[in-house]
PDB file of N, CA and C in Angstrom:
ATOM      1  N   MET A   1      15.139  24.613  21.294  1.00  0.00           N
ATOM      2  CA  MET A   1      15.917  23.182  21.033  1.00  0.00           C
ATOM      3  C   MET A   1      15.320  23.663  20.130  1.00  0.00           C
ATOM      4  N   ALA A   2      15.549  22.904  18.639  1.00  0.00           N
ATOM      5  CA  ALA A   2      14.964  22.919  17.322  1.00  0.00           C
ATOM      6  C   ALA A   2      14.565  21.535  16.673  1.00  0.00           C
ATOM      7  N   ASP A   3      13.097  21.966  16.575  1.00  0.00           N
ATOM      8  CA  ASP A   3      11.925  20.229  16.137  1.00  0.00           C
ATOM      9  C   ASP A   3      12.728  19.387  15.524  1.00  0.00           C
ATOM     10  N   THR A   4      12.472  18.282  15.522  1.00  0.00           N
ATOM     11  CA  THR A   4      13.532  16.860  15.145  1.00  0.00           C
ATOM     12  C   THR A   4      12.789  16.472  14.583  1.00  0.00           C
ATOM     13  N   LYS A   5      10.958  16.201  14.541  1.00  0.00           N
ATOM     14  CA  LYS A   5      10.497  16.012  13.752  1.00  0.00           C
ATOM     15  C   LYS A   5      10.268  15.677  12.566  1.00  0.00           C
ATOM     16  N   ASP A   6      10.286  15.098  11.175  1.00  0.00           N
ATOM     17  CA  ASP A   6      10.435  14.875   9.523  1.00  0.00           C
ATOM     18  C   ASP A   6       8.809  15.478   9.612  1.00  0.00           C
ATOM     19  N   SER A   7       8.919  16.620   9.011  1.00  0.00           N
ATOM     20  CA  SER A   7       7.587  16.691   8.343  1.00  0.00           C
ATOM     21  C   SER A   7       7.221  17.079   7.493  1.00  0.00           C
ATOM     22  N   SER A   8       8.185  16.265   6.623  1.00  0.00           N
ATOM     23  CA  SER A   8       7.316  15.831   4.965  1.00  0.00           C
ATOM     24  C   SER A   8       6.658  14.691   5.329  1.00  0.00           C
ATOM     25  N   LEU A   9       6.430  13.717   7.021  1.00  0.00           N
ATOM     26  CA  LEU A   9       6.029  12.960   7.165  1.00  0.00           C
ATOM     27  C   LEU A   9       5.052  13.037   7.943  1.00  0.00           C
ATOM     28  N   ALA A  10       4.385  14.668   8.430  1.00  0.00           N
ATOM     29  CA  ALA A  10       3.675  15.318   9.453  1.00  0.00           C
ATOM     30  C   ALA A  10       2.722  15.393   9.139  1.00  0.00           C
ATOM     31  N   ASP A  11       2.132  15.549   7.788  1.00  0.00           N
ATOM     32  CA  ASP A  11       0.918  15.433   7.446  1.00  0.00           C
ATOM     33  C   ASP A  11       0.056  13.972   6.309  1.00  0.00           C
ATOM     34  N   LEU A  12       0.744  13.632   6.553  1.00  0.00           N
ATOM     35  CA  LEU A  12       0.200  11.736   6.611  1.00  0.00           C
ATOM     36  C   LEU A  12      -1.177  11.771   7.097  1.00  0.00           C
ATOM     37  N   GLN A  13      -1.853  11.503   5.495  1.00  0.00           N
ATOM     38  CA  GLN A  13      -2.874  10.984   6.200  1.00  0.00           C
ATOM     39  C   GLN A  13      -3.143   9.353   6.856  1.00  0.00           C
ATOM     40  N   GLY A  14      -3.458   9.161   7.994  1.00  0.00           N
ATOM     41  CA  GLY A  14      -3.530   7.689   8.178  1.00  0.00           C
ATOM     42  C   GLY A  14      -4.907   6.470   8.331  1.00  0.00           C
ATOM     43  N   THR A  15      -4.251   5.664   7.772  1.00  0.00           N
ATOM     44  CA  THR A  15      -5.638   4.698   7.407  1.00  0.00           C
ATOM     45  C   THR A  15      -5.398   3.042   8.177  1.00  0.00           C
ATOM     46  N   MET A  16      -5.944   2.963   9.159  1.00  0.00           N
ATOM     47  CA  MET A  16      -5.574   1.292   9.116  1.00  0.00           C
ATOM     48  C   MET A  16      -6.213   0.117   8.448  1.00  0.00           C
ATOM     49  N   VAL A  17      -5.561  -0.683   7.606  1.00  0.00           N
ATOM     50  CA  VAL A  17      -6.522  -1.494   6.602  1.00  0.00           C
ATOM     51  C   VAL A  17      -6.020  -3.499   7.746  1.00  0.00           C
ATOM     52  N   THR A  18      -7.070  -3.670   7.565  1.00  0.00           N
ATOM     53  CA  THR A  18      -7.355  -4.786   8.657  1.00  0.00           C
ATOM     54  C   THR A  18      -8.170  -5.543   7.744  1.00  0.00           C
ATOM     55  N   ALA A  19      -7.423  -6.522   7.897  1.00  0.00           N
ATOM     56  CA  ALA A  19      -8.090  -7.735   6.912  1.00  0.00           C
ATOM     57  C   ALA A  19      -9.718  -8.062   6.957  1.00  0.00           C
ATOM     58  N   PRO A  20     -10.223  -8.028   5.652  1.00  0.00           N
ATOM     59  CA  PRO A  20     -11.738  -8.184   5.282  1.00  0.00           C
ATOM     60  C   PRO A  20     -11.954  -9.558   6.136  1.00  0.00           C
ATOM     61  N   GLN A  21     -12.826 -10.007   6.997  1.00  0.00           N
ATOM     62  CA  GLN A  21     -14.086 -11.165   7.103  1.00  0.00           C
ATOM     63  C   GLN A  21     -13.419 -12.458   5.821  1.00  0.00           C
ATOM     64  N   ALA A  22     -13.262 -13.724   6.291  1.00  0.00           N
ATOM     65  CA  ALA A  22     -13.724 -14.612   4.681  1.00  0.00           C
ATOM     66  C   ALA A  22     -14.291 -14.380   4.522  1.00  0.00           C
ATOM     67  N   GLY A  23     -13.966 -14.465   2.611  1.00  0.00           N
ATOM     68  CA  GLY A  23     -15.315 -14.648   1.972  1.00  0.00           C
ATOM     69  C   GLY A  23     -15.189 -12.653   1.833  1.00  0.00           C
ATOM     70  N   ARG A  24     -14.882 -11.638   2.758  1.00  0.00           N
ATOM     71  CA  ARG A  24     -14.712 -10.503   2.423  1.00  0.00           C
ATOM     72  C   ARG A  24     -14.721  -9.144   1.558  1.00  0.00           C
ATOM     73  N   LEU A  25     -15.060  -8.403   0.507  1.00  0.00           N
ATOM     74  CA  LEU A  25     -14.031  -7.712   0.169  1.00  0.00           C
ATOM     75  C   LEU A  25     -14.086  -5.922   0.839  1.00  0.00           C
ATOM     76  N   ALA A  26     -13.078  -5.804   0.528  1.00  0.00           N
ATOM     77  CA  ALA A  26     -13.036  -3.820   1.179  1.00  0.00           C
ATOM     78  C   ALA A  26     -12.188  -3.036   0.614  1.00  0.00           C
ATOM     79  N   ARG A  27     -12.488  -2.878   0.209  1.00  0.00           N
ATOM     80  CA  ARG A  27     -11.993  -1.227  -0.937  1.00  0.00           C
ATOM     81  C   ARG A  27     -11.818   0.455  -0.741  1.00  0.00           C
ATOM     82  N   TYR A  28     -10.783   0.354  -1.357  1.00  0.00           N
ATOM     83  CA  TYR A  28     -10.256   1.783  -0.855  1.00  0.00           C
ATOM     84  C   TYR A  28      -9.278   2.325  -1.979  1.00  0.00           C
ATOM     85  N   THR A  29      -9.386   3.731  -1.754  1.00  0.00           N
ATOM     86  CA  THR A  29      -9.586   4.561  -2.831  1.00  0.00           C
ATOM     87  C   THR A  29      -8.370   5.645  -2.178  1.00  0.00           C
ATOM     88  N   PRO A  30      -6.837   5.770  -2.523  1.00  0.00           N
ATOM     89  CA  PRO A  30      -5.592   6.116  -3.078  1.00  0.00           C
ATOM     90  C   PRO A  30      -6.119   7.570  -2.733  1.00  0.00           C
ATOM     91  N   GLN A  31      -5.602   8.285  -0.884  1.00  0.00           N
ATOM     92  CA  GLN A  31      -5.498   9.964  -1.509  1.00  0.00           C
ATOM     93  C   GLN A  31      -4.276  10.328  -1.841  1.00  0.00           C
ATOM     94  N   GLU A  32      -3.752  11.644  -1.662  1.00  0.00           N
ATOM     95  CA  GLU A  32      -2.981  12.055  -2.114  1.00  0.00           C
ATOM     96  C   GLU A  32      -2.624  12.407  -0.437  1.00  0.00           C
ATOM     97  N   ARG A  33      -0.992  12.162   0.213  1.00  0.00           N
ATOM     98  CA  ARG A  33      -0.274  11.787   0.930  1.00  0.00           C
ATOM     99  C   ARG A  33      -0.920  11.169   1.922  1.00  0.00           C
ATOM    100  N   GLN A  34      -1.521   9.392   1.427  1.00  0.00           N
ATOM    101  CA  GLN A  34      -2.136   8.609   2.279  1.00  0.00           C
ATOM    102  C   GLN A  34      -1.105   7.637   2.062  1.00  0.00           C
ATOM    103  N   ILE A  35      -1.048   7.720   4.387  1.00  0.00           N
ATOM    104  CA  ILE A  35      -0.447   5.944   4.335  1.00  0.00           C
ATOM    105  C   ILE A  35      -1.550   4.780   5.288  1.00  0.00           C
ATOM    106  N   TYR A  36      -1.343   4.385   4.103  1.00  0.00           N
ATOM    107  CA  TYR A  36      -1.863   2.609   4.842  1.00  0.00           C
ATOM    108  C   TYR A  36      -1.273   1.585   6.124  1.00  0.00           C
ATOM    109  N   GLN A  37      -1.451   1.492   7.227  1.00  0.00           N
ATOM    110  CA  GLN A  37      -0.756   0.827   8.325  1.00  0.00           C
ATOM    111  C   GLN A  37      -1.596  -0.967   7.857  1.00  0.00           C
ATOM    112  N   LEU A  38      -0.936  -1.805   7.703  1.00  0.00           N
ATOM    113  CA  LEU A  38      -1.237  -3.345   7.284  1.00  0.00           C
ATOM    114  C   LEU A  38      -1.311  -4.283   8.743  1.00  0.00           C
ATOM    115  N   ASP A  39      -2.199  -4.478   8.913  1.00  0.00           N
ATOM    116  CA  ASP A  39      -2.578  -5.615  10.484  1.00  0.00           C
ATOM    117  C   ASP A  39      -2.078  -6.900  10.655  1.00  0.00           C
ATOM    118  N   PHE A  40      -1.463  -6.902   8.421  1.00  0.00           N
ATOM    119  CA  PHE A  40      -2.036  -8.888   8.638  1.00  0.00           C
ATOM    120  C   PHE A  40      -0.100  -8.453   7.557  1.00  0.00           C
ATOM    121  N   ASP A  41       0.286 -10.204   7.693  1.00  0.00           N
ATOM    122  CA  ASP A  41       1.782  -9.645   6.788  1.00  0.00           C
ATOM    123  C   ASP A  41       1.264 -10.253   4.964  1.00  0.00           C
ATOM    124  N   LEU A  42       1.917  -8.725   4.460  1.00  0.00           N
ATOM    125  CA  LEU A  42       1.483  -8.969   2.934  1.00  0.00           C
ATOM    126  C   LEU A  42       2.294  -9.823   2.116  1.00  0.00           C
ATOM    127  N   THR A  43       3.448 -10.000   2.780  1.00  0.00           N
ATOM    128  CA  THR A  43       4.028 -10.775   2.383  1.00  0.00           C
ATOM    129  C   THR A  43       3.537 -12.570   2.374  1.00  0.00           C
ATOM    130  N   GLU A  44       3.363 -12.865   2.822  1.00  0.00           N
ATOM    131  CA  GLU A  44       1.499 -13.835   2.845  1.00  0.00           C
ATOM    132  C   GLU A  44       1.192 -14.030   2.404  1.00  0.00           C
ATOM    133  N   GLN A  45       0.219 -12.644   1.247  1.00  0.00           N
ATOM    134  CA  GLN A  45      -0.870 -12.397   0.608  1.00  0.00           C
ATOM    135  C   GLN A  45      -0.330 -12.857  -0.867  1.00  0.00           C
ATOM    136  N   THR A  46      -1.696 -12.750  -1.561  1.00  0.00           N
ATOM    137  CA  THR A  46      -1.307 -12.470  -3.510  1.00  0.00           C
ATOM    138  C   THR A  46      -1.538 -11.443  -3.625  1.00  0.00           C
ATOM    139  N   ALA A  47      -0.883 -10.447  -4.051  1.00  0.00           N
ATOM    140  CA  ALA A  47      -0.892  -8.717  -3.994  1.00  0.00           C
ATOM    141  C   ALA A  47      -0.421  -8.921  -6.246  1.00  0.00           C
ATOM    142  N   VAL A  48      -1.637  -8.515  -7.126  1.00  0.00           N
ATOM    143  CA  VAL A  48      -1.285  -8.376  -8.374  1.00  0.00           C
ATOM    144  C   VAL A  48      -2.119  -6.726  -8.804  1.00  0.00           C
ATOM    145  N   VAL A  49      -1.834  -6.035  -9.461  1.00  0.00           N
ATOM    146  CA  VAL A  49      -2.262  -5.329 -10.225  1.00  0.00           C
ATOM    147  C   VAL A  49      -3.359  -5.795 -11.720  1.00  0.00           C
ATOM    148  N   THR A  50      -4.149  -5.699 -11.317  1.00  0.00           N
ATOM    149  CA  THR A  50      -4.928  -5.773 -12.201  1.00  0.00           C
ATOM    150  C   THR A  50      -5.599  -4.288 -12.651  1.00  0.00           C
ATOM    151  N   GLY A  51      -6.024  -3.894 -14.379  1.00  0.00           N
ATOM    152  CA  GLY A  51      -5.933  -3.082 -14.684  1.00  0.00           C
ATOM    153  C   GLY A  51      -4.789  -1.721 -14.185  1.00  0.00           C
ATOM    154  N   SER A  52      -6.382  -0.423 -12.893  1.00  0.00           N
ATOM    155  CA  SER A  52      -5.352   0.314 -12.343  1.00  0.00           C
ATOM    156  C   SER A  52      -5.178  -0.323 -10.848  1.00  0.00           C
ATOM    157  N   ASP A  53      -6.268  -1.323 -10.988  1.00  0.00           N
ATOM    158  CA  ASP A  53      -6.298  -1.871  -8.704  1.00  0.00           C
ATOM    159  C   ASP A  53      -5.194  -2.173  -8.409  1.00  0.00           C
ATOM    160  N   LEU A  54      -4.765  -2.142  -7.189  1.00  0.00           N
ATOM    161  CA  LEU A  54      -4.310  -3.784  -6.496  1.00  0.00           C
ATOM    162  C   LEU A  54      -5.160  -4.109  -5.910  1.00  0.00           C
ATOM    163  N   ARG A  55      -4.885  -5.621  -6.111  1.00  0.00           N
ATOM    164  CA  ARG A  55      -5.708  -6.050  -5.872  1.00  0.00           C
ATOM    165  C   ARG A  55      -4.942  -7.359  -4.858  1.00  0.00           C
ATOM    166  N   ILE A  56      -4.997  -7.528  -3.725  1.00  0.00           N
ATOM    167  CA  ILE A  56      -4.639  -8.230  -2.640  1.00  0.00           C
ATOM    168  C   ILE A  56      -5.044  -9.463  -2.046  1.00  0.00           C
ATOM    169  N   ASP A  57      -5.354 -10.651  -2.261  1.00  0.00           N
ATOM    170  CA  ASP A  57      -6.207 -11.540  -2.079  1.00  0.00           C
ATOM    171  C   ASP A  57      -5.414 -12.238  -0.744  1.00  0.00           C
ATOM    172  N   LEU A  58      -6.309 -12.427   0.167  1.00  0.00           N
ATOM    173  CA  LEU A  58      -5.777 -13.333   1.845  1.00  0.00           C
ATOM    174  C   LEU A  58      -6.124 -14.312   1.565  1.00  0.00           C
ATOM    175  N   GLU A  59      -5.580 -15.208   2.208  1.00  0.00           N
ATOM    176  CA  GLU A  59      -5.735 -16.764   2.134  1.00  0.00           C
ATOM    177  C   GLU A  59      -6.819 -17.393   2.403  1.00  0.00           C
ATOM    178  N   ASP A  60      -7.906 -16.429   2.941  1.00  0.00           N
ATOM    179  CA  ASP A  60      -8.793 -17.318   3.351  1.00  0.00           C
ATOM    180  C   ASP A  60     -10.052 -16.517   2.653  1.00  0.00           C
ATOM    181  N   GLY A  61      -9.162 -15.827   1.497  1.00  0.00           N
ATOM    182  CA  GLY A  61     -11.195 -15.885   0.478  1.00  0.00           C
ATOM    183  C   GLY A  61     -11.176 -14.478   0.313  1.00  0.00           C
ATOM    184  N   ALA A  62     -10.382 -13.546   1.404  1.00  0.00           N
ATOM    185  CA  ALA A  62     -11.044 -11.657   1.509  1.00  0.00           C
ATOM    186  C   ALA A  62     -10.221 -11.209   0.477  1.00  0.00           C
ATOM    187  N   VAL A  63     -10.856 -10.207   0.242  1.00  0.00           N
ATOM    188  CA  VAL A  63     -10.446  -9.418  -1.171  1.00  0.00           C
ATOM    189  C   VAL A  63      -9.819  -8.513  -0.319  1.00  0.00           C
ATOM    190  N   LEU A  64      -9.420  -7.184  -0.786  1.00  0.00           N
ATOM    191  CA  LEU A  64      -8.165  -6.022  -0.795  1.00  0.00           C
ATOM    192  C   LEU A  64      -8.313  -5.454  -1.633  1.00  0.00           C
ATOM    193  N   ILE A  65      -8.726  -3.930  -2.695  1.00  0.00           N
ATOM    194  CA  ILE A  65      -8.797  -3.709  -3.842  1.00  0.00           C
ATOM    195  C   ILE A  65      -8.663  -2.052  -3.003  1.00  0.00           C
ATOM    196  N   PHE A  66      -6.919  -1.706  -4.086  1.00  0.00           N
ATOM    197  CA  PHE A  66      -6.926  -0.645  -3.680  1.00  0.00           C
ATOM    198  C   PHE A  66      -6.835   0.008  -5.242  1.00  0.00           C
ATOM    199  N   GLU A  67      -8.014   1.074  -5.295  1.00  0.00           N
ATOM    200  CA  GLU A  67      -8.589   1.501  -5.954  1.00  0.00           C
ATOM    201  C   GLU A  67      -7.690   2.758  -7.558  1.00  0.00           C
ATOM    202  N   ASP A  68      -7.600   2.481  -8.295  1.00  0.00           N
ATOM    203  CA  ASP A  68      -6.564   3.394  -9.234  1.00  0.00           C
ATOM    204  C   ASP A  68      -5.241   3.793  -8.709  1.00  0.00           C
ATOM    205  N   PHE A  69      -4.914   2.621  -8.196  1.00  0.00           N
ATOM    206  CA  PHE A  69      -3.796   2.615  -6.853  1.00  0.00           C
ATOM    207  C   PHE A  69      -2.648   2.911  -8.542  1.00  0.00           C
ATOM    208  N   ALA A  70      -2.627   2.345  -9.363  1.00  0.00           N
ATOM    209  CA  ALA A  70      -1.638   2.323 -10.842  1.00  0.00           C
ATOM    210  C   ALA A  70      -2.316   3.970 -11.369  1.00  0.00           C
ATOM    211  N   THR A  71      -2.975   4.837 -11.150  1.00  0.00           N
ATOM    212  CA  THR A  71      -3.214   5.907 -11.418  1.00  0.00           C
ATOM    213  C   THR A  71      -3.561   6.719 -11.016  1.00  0.00           C
ATOM    214  N   ALA A  72      -3.165   6.340  -9.784  1.00  0.00           N
ATOM    215  CA  ALA A  72      -2.582   7.181  -8.246  1.00  0.00           C
ATOM    216  C   ALA A  72      -0.793   7.912  -8.564  1.00  0.00           C
ATOM    217  N   ASP A  73      -0.698   6.219  -8.811  1.00  0.00           N
ATOM    218  CA  ASP A  73       1.203   5.874  -8.983  1.00  0.00           C
ATOM    219  C   ASP A  73       1.160   7.138  -9.786  1.00  0.00           C
ATOM    220  N   SER A  74       0.638   6.697 -11.035  1.00  0.00           N
ATOM    221  CA  SER A  74       1.477   7.450 -12.037  1.00  0.00           C
ATOM    222  C   SER A  74       1.325   9.046 -11.982  1.00  0.00           C
ATOM    223  N   GLN A  75       0.570   9.653 -10.376  1.00  0.00           N
ATOM    224  CA  GLN A  75       0.284  11.061 -11.052  1.00  0.00           C
ATOM    225  C   GLN A  75       0.813  11.913  -9.584  1.00  0.00           C
ATOM    226  N   GLY A  76       1.807  10.613  -9.487  1.00  0.00           N
ATOM    227  CA  GLY A  76       2.460  11.316  -7.731  1.00  0.00           C
ATOM    228  C   GLY A  76       2.349  11.311  -6.591  1.00  0.00           C
ATOM    229  N   ASN A  77       1.261  10.842  -6.371  1.00  0.00           N
ATOM    230  CA  ASN A  77       0.251  10.525  -5.273  1.00  0.00           C
ATOM    231  C   ASN A  77       0.032   8.905  -4.778  1.00  0.00           C
ATOM    232  N   SER A  78       0.966   7.829  -4.607  1.00  0.00           N
ATOM    233  CA  SER A  78       1.225   7.055  -4.359  1.00  0.00           C
ATOM    234  C   SER A  78       2.129   7.502  -2.974  1.00  0.00           C
ATOM    235  N   PRO A  79       0.632   6.152  -2.032  1.00  0.00           N
ATOM    236  CA  PRO A  79       0.484   5.540  -1.049  1.00  0.00           C
ATOM    237  C   PRO A  79       1.976   4.956   0.006  1.00  0.00           C
ATOM    238  N   LEU A  80       1.964   5.155   0.566  1.00  0.00           N
ATOM    239  CA  LEU A  80       2.821   4.677   1.097  1.00  0.00           C
ATOM    240  C   LEU A  80       2.212   3.210   2.258  1.00  0.00           C
ATOM    241  N   PHE A  81       3.350   2.424   2.066  1.00  0.00           N
ATOM    242  CA  PHE A  81       2.395   1.381   3.413  1.00  0.00           C
ATOM    243  C   PHE A  81       3.629   1.042   4.164  1.00  0.00           C
ATOM    244  N   VAL A  82       2.588   1.202   5.058  1.00  0.00           N
ATOM    245  CA  VAL A  82       3.221   1.022   6.915  1.00  0.00           C
ATOM    246  C   VAL A  82       3.248  -1.009   7.303  1.00  0.00           C
ATOM    247  N   MET A  83       4.214  -2.136   6.952  1.00  0.00           N
ATOM    248  CA  MET A  83       4.007  -3.247   7.393  1.00  0.00           C
ATOM    249  C   MET A  83       3.605  -3.664   8.479  1.00  0.00           C
ATOM    250  N   GLU A  84       3.417  -4.960   8.760  1.00  0.00           N
ATOM    251  CA  GLU A  84       3.104  -5.405   9.745  1.00  0.00           C
ATOM    252  C   GLU A  84       4.164  -5.855  11.075  1.00  0.00           C
ATOM    253  N   ASP A  85       5.298  -5.129  10.124  1.00  0.00           N
ATOM    254  CA  ASP A  85       6.403  -4.898  11.057  1.00  0.00           C
ATOM    255  C   ASP A  85       7.322  -4.204  12.020  1.00  0.00           C
ATOM    256  N   GLY A  86       6.321  -2.881  10.605  1.00  0.00           N
ATOM    257  CA  GLY A  86       7.377  -2.171  11.070  1.00  0.00           C
ATOM    258  C   GLY A  86       6.997  -1.150   9.440  1.00  0.00           C
ATOM    259  N   SER A  87       8.284  -1.520   8.610  1.00  0.00           N
ATOM    260  CA  SER A  87       8.812  -1.067   7.405  1.00  0.00           C
ATOM    261  C   SER A  87       8.036  -0.294   6.602  1.00  0.00           C
ATOM    262  N   ILE A  88       8.446   0.357   6.266  1.00  0.00           N
ATOM    263  CA  ILE A  88       7.450   1.215   6.046  1.00  0.00           C
ATOM    264  C   ILE A  88       8.120   0.998   3.796  1.00  0.00           C
ATOM    265  N   ILE A  89       6.410   0.618   2.566  1.00  0.00           N
ATOM    266  CA  ILE A  89       7.155   0.938   1.742  1.00  0.00           C
ATOM    267  C   ILE A  89       6.316   1.917   1.058  1.00  0.00           C
ATOM    268  N   PRO A  90       7.039   2.454   0.314  1.00  0.00           N
ATOM    269  CA  PRO A  90       6.591   2.879  -1.127  1.00  0.00           C
ATOM    270  C   PRO A  90       5.475   2.637  -2.032  1.00  0.00           C
ATOM    271  N   GLY A  91       4.575   3.050  -2.230  1.00  0.00           N
ATOM    272  CA  GLY A  91       3.439   2.525  -3.419  1.00  0.00           C
ATOM    273  C   GLY A  91       3.934   2.270  -4.693  1.00  0.00           C
ATOM    274  N   ASP A  92       4.882   2.995  -5.165  1.00  0.00           N
ATOM    275  CA  ASP A  92       5.426   3.236  -6.301  1.00  0.00           C
ATOM    276  C   ASP A  92       6.736   2.129  -6.224  1.00  0.00           C
ATOM    277  N   ILE A  93       6.779   1.515  -5.263  1.00  0.00           N
ATOM    278  CA  ILE A  93       8.013   0.479  -5.212  1.00  0.00           C
ATOM    279  C   ILE A  93       7.547  -0.468  -5.205  1.00  0.00           C
ATOM    280  N   LEU A  94       6.607  -0.533  -4.531  1.00  0.00           N
ATOM    281  CA  LEU A  94       5.951  -1.884  -4.040  1.00  0.00           C
ATOM    282  C   LEU A  94       5.205  -2.409  -5.615  1.00  0.00           C
ATOM    283  N   LEU A  95       4.525  -1.482  -6.317  1.00  0.00           N
ATOM    284  CA  LEU A  95       4.145  -1.615  -7.744  1.00  0.00           C
ATOM    285  C   LEU A  95       4.940  -2.356  -8.678  1.00  0.00           C
ATOM    286  N   ALA A  96       6.335  -1.658  -8.571  1.00  0.00           N
ATOM    287  CA  ALA A  96       7.361  -1.790  -9.327  1.00  0.00           C
ATOM    288  C   ALA A  96       8.190  -3.218  -8.840  1.00  0.00           C
ATOM    289  N   LEU A  97       7.500  -4.047  -8.006  1.00  0.00           N
ATOM    290  CA  LEU A  97       7.790  -4.914  -6.907  1.00  0.00           C
ATOM    291  C   LEU A  97       6.915  -6.491  -8.041  1.00  0.00           C
ATOM    292  N   LEU A  98       5.967  -5.691  -7.859  1.00  0.00           N
ATOM    293  CA  LEU A  98       4.697  -6.523  -8.508  1.00  0.00           C
ATOM    294  C   LEU A  98       4.780  -6.252 -10.212  1.00  0.00           C
ATOM    295  N   SER A  99       4.505  -5.282 -10.561  1.00  0.00           N
ATOM    296  CA  SER A  99       4.750  -5.850 -12.171  1.00  0.00           C
ATOM    297  C   SER A  99       6.910  -6.456 -12.412  1.00  0.00           C
ATOM    298  N   GLY A 100       7.700  -6.370 -11.807  1.00  0.00           N
ATOM    299  CA  GLY A 100       8.531  -6.652 -12.117  1.00  0.00           C
ATOM    300  C   GLY A 100       9.488  -5.829 -13.046  1.00  0.00           C
ATOM    301  N   GLU A 101       9.108  -4.589 -12.279  1.00  0.00           N
ATOM    302  CA  GLU A 101      10.825  -3.575 -12.750  1.00  0.00           C
ATOM    303  C   GLU A 101      11.347  -3.719 -11.891  1.00  0.00           C
ATOM    304  N   PRO A 102      12.498  -3.260 -12.418  1.00  0.00           N
ATOM    305  CA  PRO A 102      13.940  -3.558 -10.850  1.00  0.00           C
ATOM    306  C   PRO A 102      13.441  -1.468 -10.666  1.00  0.00           C
ATOM    307  N   THR A 103      13.776  -2.042  -9.446  1.00  0.00           N
ATOM    308  CA  THR A 103      13.834  -0.650  -8.875  1.00  0.00           C
ATOM    309  C   THR A 103      15.246  -0.279  -8.696  1.00  0.00           C
ATOM    310  N   GLU A 104      15.446   1.329  -8.180  1.00  0.00           N
ATOM    311  CA  GLU A 104      17.251   1.034  -6.722  1.00  0.00           C
ATOM    312  C   GLU A 104      17.276   0.497  -6.207  1.00  0.00           C
ATOM    313  N   GLU A 105      16.243  -0.283  -4.952  1.00  0.00           N
ATOM    314  CA  GLU A 105      17.022  -1.575  -3.741  1.00  0.00           C
ATOM    315  C   GLU A 105      16.783  -2.296  -4.298  1.00  0.00           C
ATOM    316  N   THR A 106      16.167  -2.709  -6.272  1.00  0.00           N
ATOM    317  CA  THR A 106      16.638  -4.562  -6.350  1.00  0.00           C
ATOM    318  C   THR A 106      17.170  -4.371  -7.717  1.00  0.00           C
ATOM    319  N   ALA A 107      17.413  -3.501  -7.873  1.00  0.00           N
ATOM    320  CA  ALA A 107      18.591  -3.146  -9.522  1.00  0.00           C
ATOM    321  C   ALA A 107      20.326  -3.412  -8.981  1.00  0.00           C
TER     322      ALA A 107
END
């Protein structure tokens, strides 16, 4: 029987991203073939690109920083984000949405 697994996803490095405690800061540095699984609803947070970092401000004052996010994207190493509802957003699409650039999905 043939293997039906998607081998392009098989070697991804998964990291669970948990919202930090209120008022706290957490930093992540995207690596090649990285996938971040978020345990909170990103659509209810404020996400902006600051310099080359992706900054997510949560309602309780906690902050997540994905360091050099824009740089990783420009080098083709943009991570994938698994949203709380299970949907997957490639980092380059997330970056384009935050910057207001049209994407194939929004054009």
